[in-house]
Amino acid sequence: MGNLQEFASSSNGDKWFVGQDGTTDQRFVLHRGNPSSGGHETRSSVDAFLNQKPFGPERDALIAFLKKENAAKDEVIIDDGQTPS
């Protein structure tokens, strides 16, 4: 299932993660319910998760996580493009 990165958690113990499928390289969202509710896991594509209604705070957290991740990637590209003086 690849490395999971937590991007949101709720006060009741639910957690949301972003992962990458090792076979398809497709990214996905994993929702892990809190242990007292059975800890069930639900997996969906990032696109499906972002379009799932009603929108909740975990959607906003995923958007912020993806923006931060993209900004970090852009910073690496800029650093790689510079030559040392």
N, C-alpha and C. Protein backbone atom coordinates (compact mmCIF):
# COMPACT_ATOMS: atom_id res chain seq x y z
N MET A 1 0.83 -1.19 0.00
CA MET A 1 0.00 0.00 0.00
C MET A 1 0.86 1.24 0.00
N GLY A 2 2.11 1.11 0.25
CA GLY A 2 2.99 2.27 0.20
C GLY A 2 2.97 3.05 1.49
N ASN A 3 3.74 4.10 1.52
CA ASN A 3 3.79 4.95 2.71
C ASN A 3 2.53 5.78 2.81
N LEU A 4 1.96 5.80 3.99
CA LEU A 4 0.78 6.62 4.24
C LEU A 4 1.20 7.87 4.98
N GLN A 5 0.65 9.00 4.56
CA GLN A 5 0.91 10.28 5.23
C GLN A 5 -0.41 10.81 5.77
N GLU A 6 -0.49 10.97 7.07
CA GLU A 6 -1.71 11.47 7.69
C GLU A 6 -1.87 12.95 7.37
N PHE A 7 -3.08 13.33 6.94
CA PHE A 7 -3.34 14.74 6.67
C PHE A 7 -4.48 15.29 7.51
N ALA A 8 -5.24 14.42 8.18
CA ALA A 8 -6.35 14.91 9.01
C ALA A 8 -6.71 13.87 10.06
N SER A 9 -7.24 14.37 11.17
CA SER A 9 -7.80 13.50 12.20
C SER A 9 -8.96 14.25 12.85
N SER A 10 -9.91 13.49 13.36
CA SER A 10 -11.07 14.11 14.00
C SER A 10 -11.00 13.91 15.50
N SER A 11 -11.83 14.64 16.22
CA SER A 11 -11.84 14.55 17.68
C SER A 11 -12.29 13.18 18.17
N ASN A 12 -13.02 12.43 17.33
CA ASN A 12 -13.46 11.10 17.74
C ASN A 12 -12.45 10.00 17.41
N GLY A 13 -11.31 10.37 16.80
CA GLY A 13 -10.26 9.40 16.54
C GLY A 13 -10.16 8.90 15.12
N ASP A 14 -11.06 9.33 14.22
CA ASP A 14 -10.93 8.97 12.81
C ASP A 14 -9.68 9.63 12.25
N LYS A 15 -9.06 8.97 11.27
CA LYS A 15 -7.85 9.51 10.64
C LYS A 15 -7.95 9.36 9.13
N TRP A 16 -7.34 10.32 8.42
CA TRP A 16 -7.29 10.30 6.96
C TRP A 16 -5.84 10.37 6.51
N PHE A 17 -5.53 9.54 5.52
CA PHE A 17 -4.16 9.43 5.01
C PHE A 17 -4.15 9.54 3.50
N VAL A 18 -3.03 9.99 2.94
CA VAL A 18 -2.77 9.92 1.51
C VAL A 18 -1.74 8.81 1.32
N GLY A 19 -1.97 7.97 0.33
CA GLY A 19 -1.02 6.91 0.01
C GLY A 19 -0.85 6.79 -1.48
N GLN A 20 0.04 5.92 -1.89
CA GLN A 20 0.27 5.68 -3.32
C GLN A 20 0.31 4.18 -3.53
N ASP A 21 -0.49 3.70 -4.48
CA ASP A 21 -0.54 2.28 -4.80
C ASP A 21 0.77 1.86 -5.45
N GLY A 22 1.40 0.85 -4.91
CA GLY A 22 2.68 0.39 -5.42
C GLY A 22 2.60 -0.24 -6.80
N THR A 23 1.43 -0.73 -7.19
CA THR A 23 1.26 -1.37 -8.49
C THR A 23 0.93 -0.36 -9.58
N THR A 24 -0.02 0.53 -9.28
CA THR A 24 -0.51 1.47 -10.30
C THR A 24 0.11 2.86 -10.20
N ASP A 25 0.78 3.15 -9.10
CA ASP A 25 1.33 4.48 -8.81
C ASP A 25 0.25 5.54 -8.63
N GLN A 26 -1.01 5.12 -8.54
CA GLN A 26 -2.11 6.07 -8.34
C GLN A 26 -2.19 6.43 -6.86
N ARG A 27 -2.42 7.71 -6.59
CA ARG A 27 -2.58 8.17 -5.21
C ARG A 27 -4.01 7.93 -4.77
N PHE A 28 -4.18 7.74 -3.47
CA PHE A 28 -5.50 7.46 -2.91
C PHE A 28 -5.60 8.07 -1.52
N VAL A 29 -6.84 8.15 -1.04
CA VAL A 29 -7.12 8.60 0.33
C VAL A 29 -7.63 7.39 1.09
N LEU A 30 -7.09 7.20 2.28
CA LEU A 30 -7.53 6.12 3.16
C LEU A 30 -8.15 6.75 4.40
N HIS A 31 -9.41 6.39 4.67
CA HIS A 31 -10.07 6.83 5.90
C HIS A 31 -10.07 5.64 6.85
N ARG A 32 -9.53 5.85 8.03
CA ARG A 32 -9.49 4.80 9.05
C ARG A 32 -10.37 5.24 10.21
N GLY A 33 -11.46 4.50 10.40
CA GLY A 33 -12.37 4.82 11.49
C GLY A 33 -11.71 4.59 12.84
N ASN A 34 -12.25 5.23 13.86
CA ASN A 34 -11.66 5.09 15.20
C ASN A 34 -11.85 3.66 15.71
N PRO A 35 -10.97 3.23 16.59
CA PRO A 35 -11.03 1.85 17.08
C PRO A 35 -12.36 1.48 17.73
N SER A 36 -13.00 2.40 18.44
CA SER A 36 -14.26 2.07 19.12
C SER A 36 -15.39 1.81 18.13
N SER A 37 -15.26 2.31 16.90
CA SER A 37 -16.29 2.04 15.88
C SER A 37 -15.88 0.89 14.97
N GLY A 38 -14.80 0.21 15.33
CA GLY A 38 -14.37 -0.95 14.55
C GLY A 38 -13.13 -0.71 13.72
N GLY A 39 -12.71 0.52 13.59
CA GLY A 39 -11.49 0.83 12.85
C GLY A 39 -11.55 0.48 11.37
N HIS A 40 -12.74 0.47 10.81
CA HIS A 40 -12.88 0.12 9.39
C HIS A 40 -12.15 1.11 8.50
N GLU A 41 -11.63 0.62 7.39
CA GLU A 41 -10.90 1.46 6.44
C GLU A 41 -11.66 1.55 5.13
N THR A 42 -11.68 2.76 4.59
CA THR A 42 -12.30 3.02 3.30
C THR A 42 -11.28 3.71 2.42
N ARG A 43 -11.10 3.19 1.22
CA ARG A 43 -10.11 3.74 0.29
C ARG A 43 -10.83 4.34 -0.91
N SER A 44 -10.40 5.52 -1.33
CA SER A 44 -10.97 6.15 -2.52
C SER A 44 -9.88 6.92 -3.25
N SER A 45 -10.13 7.19 -4.52
CA SER A 45 -9.17 8.00 -5.27
C SER A 45 -9.17 9.42 -4.71
N VAL A 46 -8.09 10.14 -4.93
CA VAL A 46 -8.01 11.53 -4.47
C VAL A 46 -9.13 12.34 -5.11
N ASP A 47 -9.36 12.16 -6.42
CA ASP A 47 -10.42 12.92 -7.10
C ASP A 47 -11.78 12.62 -6.50
N ALA A 48 -12.08 11.34 -6.26
CA ALA A 48 -13.38 10.97 -5.69
C ALA A 48 -13.54 11.58 -4.31
N PHE A 49 -12.49 11.57 -3.51
CA PHE A 49 -12.55 12.14 -2.17
C PHE A 49 -12.82 13.64 -2.23
N LEU A 50 -12.14 14.34 -3.13
CA LEU A 50 -12.32 15.79 -3.24
C LEU A 50 -13.71 16.16 -3.72
N ASN A 51 -14.37 15.27 -4.47
CA ASN A 51 -15.70 15.56 -5.00
C ASN A 51 -16.82 14.99 -4.15
N GLN A 52 -16.48 14.30 -3.07
CA GLN A 52 -17.47 13.67 -2.20
C GLN A 52 -18.22 14.74 -1.41
N LYS A 53 -19.55 14.66 -1.43
CA LYS A 53 -20.36 15.63 -0.70
C LYS A 53 -21.09 14.94 0.43
N PRO A 54 -21.37 15.60 1.52
CA PRO A 54 -21.06 17.00 1.78
C PRO A 54 -19.57 17.19 2.07
N PHE A 55 -19.06 18.36 1.73
CA PHE A 55 -17.67 18.68 1.99
C PHE A 55 -17.46 18.82 3.50
N GLY A 56 -16.32 18.35 3.96
CA GLY A 56 -16.01 18.44 5.38
C GLY A 56 -14.62 19.01 5.60
N PRO A 57 -14.24 19.16 6.85
CA PRO A 57 -12.93 19.73 7.17
C PRO A 57 -11.78 18.86 6.67
N GLU A 58 -12.00 17.56 6.55
CA GLU A 58 -10.94 16.69 6.04
C GLU A 58 -10.65 16.96 4.56
N ARG A 59 -11.65 17.42 3.82
CA ARG A 59 -11.43 17.81 2.42
C ARG A 59 -10.52 19.04 2.38
N ASP A 60 -10.83 20.02 3.22
CA ASP A 60 -9.99 21.22 3.30
C ASP A 60 -8.56 20.86 3.71
N ALA A 61 -8.44 19.91 4.63
CA ALA A 61 -7.11 19.48 5.08
C ALA A 61 -6.34 18.81 3.94
N LEU A 62 -7.04 18.03 3.11
CA LEU A 62 -6.37 17.39 1.97
C LEU A 62 -5.90 18.44 0.97
N ILE A 63 -6.74 19.43 0.69
CA ILE A 63 -6.35 20.49 -0.24
C ILE A 63 -5.11 21.22 0.28
N ALA A 64 -5.10 21.55 1.57
CA ALA A 64 -3.94 22.22 2.17
C ALA A 64 -2.70 21.33 2.10
N PHE A 65 -2.87 20.04 2.36
CA PHE A 65 -1.76 19.08 2.30
C PHE A 65 -1.18 19.02 0.89
N LEU A 66 -2.05 18.93 -0.12
CA LEU A 66 -1.60 18.83 -1.50
C LEU A 66 -0.90 20.12 -1.95
N LYS A 67 -1.43 21.28 -1.53
CA LYS A 67 -0.79 22.56 -1.87
C LYS A 67 0.60 22.64 -1.25
N LYS A 68 0.72 22.24 0.00
CA LYS A 68 2.01 22.28 0.69
C LYS A 68 2.99 21.33 0.02
N GLU A 69 2.51 20.16 -0.36
CA GLU A 69 3.36 19.18 -1.03
C GLU A 69 3.84 19.70 -2.39
N ASN A 70 2.94 20.33 -3.14
CA ASN A 70 3.32 20.89 -4.44
C ASN A 70 4.30 22.05 -4.29
N ALA A 71 4.11 22.87 -3.26
CA ALA A 71 5.04 23.98 -3.02
C ALA A 71 6.43 23.44 -2.70
N ALA A 72 6.50 22.36 -1.93
CA ALA A 72 7.79 21.76 -1.59
C ALA A 72 8.46 21.19 -2.84
N LYS A 73 7.67 20.58 -3.73
CA LYS A 73 8.23 20.05 -4.98
C LYS A 73 8.75 21.19 -5.85
N ASP A 74 8.00 22.28 -5.93
CA ASP A 74 8.43 23.44 -6.72
C ASP A 74 9.73 24.01 -6.18
N GLU A 75 9.88 24.03 -4.87
CA GLU A 75 11.09 24.55 -4.25
C GLU A 75 12.29 23.69 -4.61
N VAL A 76 12.12 22.39 -4.64
CA VAL A 76 13.21 21.48 -5.01
C VAL A 76 13.60 21.71 -6.46
N ILE A 77 12.62 21.89 -7.34
CA ILE A 77 12.92 22.13 -8.75
C ILE A 77 13.71 23.43 -8.91
N ILE A 78 13.32 24.47 -8.19
CA ILE A 78 14.03 25.75 -8.27
C ILE A 78 15.46 25.57 -7.76
N ASP A 79 15.62 24.88 -6.64
CA ASP A 79 16.96 24.64 -6.09
C ASP A 79 17.81 23.83 -7.05
N ASP A 80 17.23 22.85 -7.71
CA ASP A 80 17.97 22.01 -8.65
C ASP A 80 18.40 22.79 -9.88
N GLY A 81 17.66 23.85 -10.22
CA GLY A 81 17.98 24.62 -11.41
C GLY A 81 19.08 25.64 -11.21
N GLN A 82 19.49 25.85 -9.99
CA GLN A 82 20.52 26.85 -9.72
C GLN A 82 21.90 26.22 -9.76
N THR A 83 22.85 26.99 -10.20
CA THR A 83 24.24 26.51 -10.20
C THR A 83 24.97 27.15 -9.04
N PRO A 84 25.85 26.41 -8.41
CA PRO A 84 26.59 27.00 -7.29
C PRO A 84 27.55 28.08 -7.79
N SER A 85 27.74 29.11 -6.99
CA SER A 85 28.65 30.19 -7.40
C SER A 85 29.97 30.09 -6.70
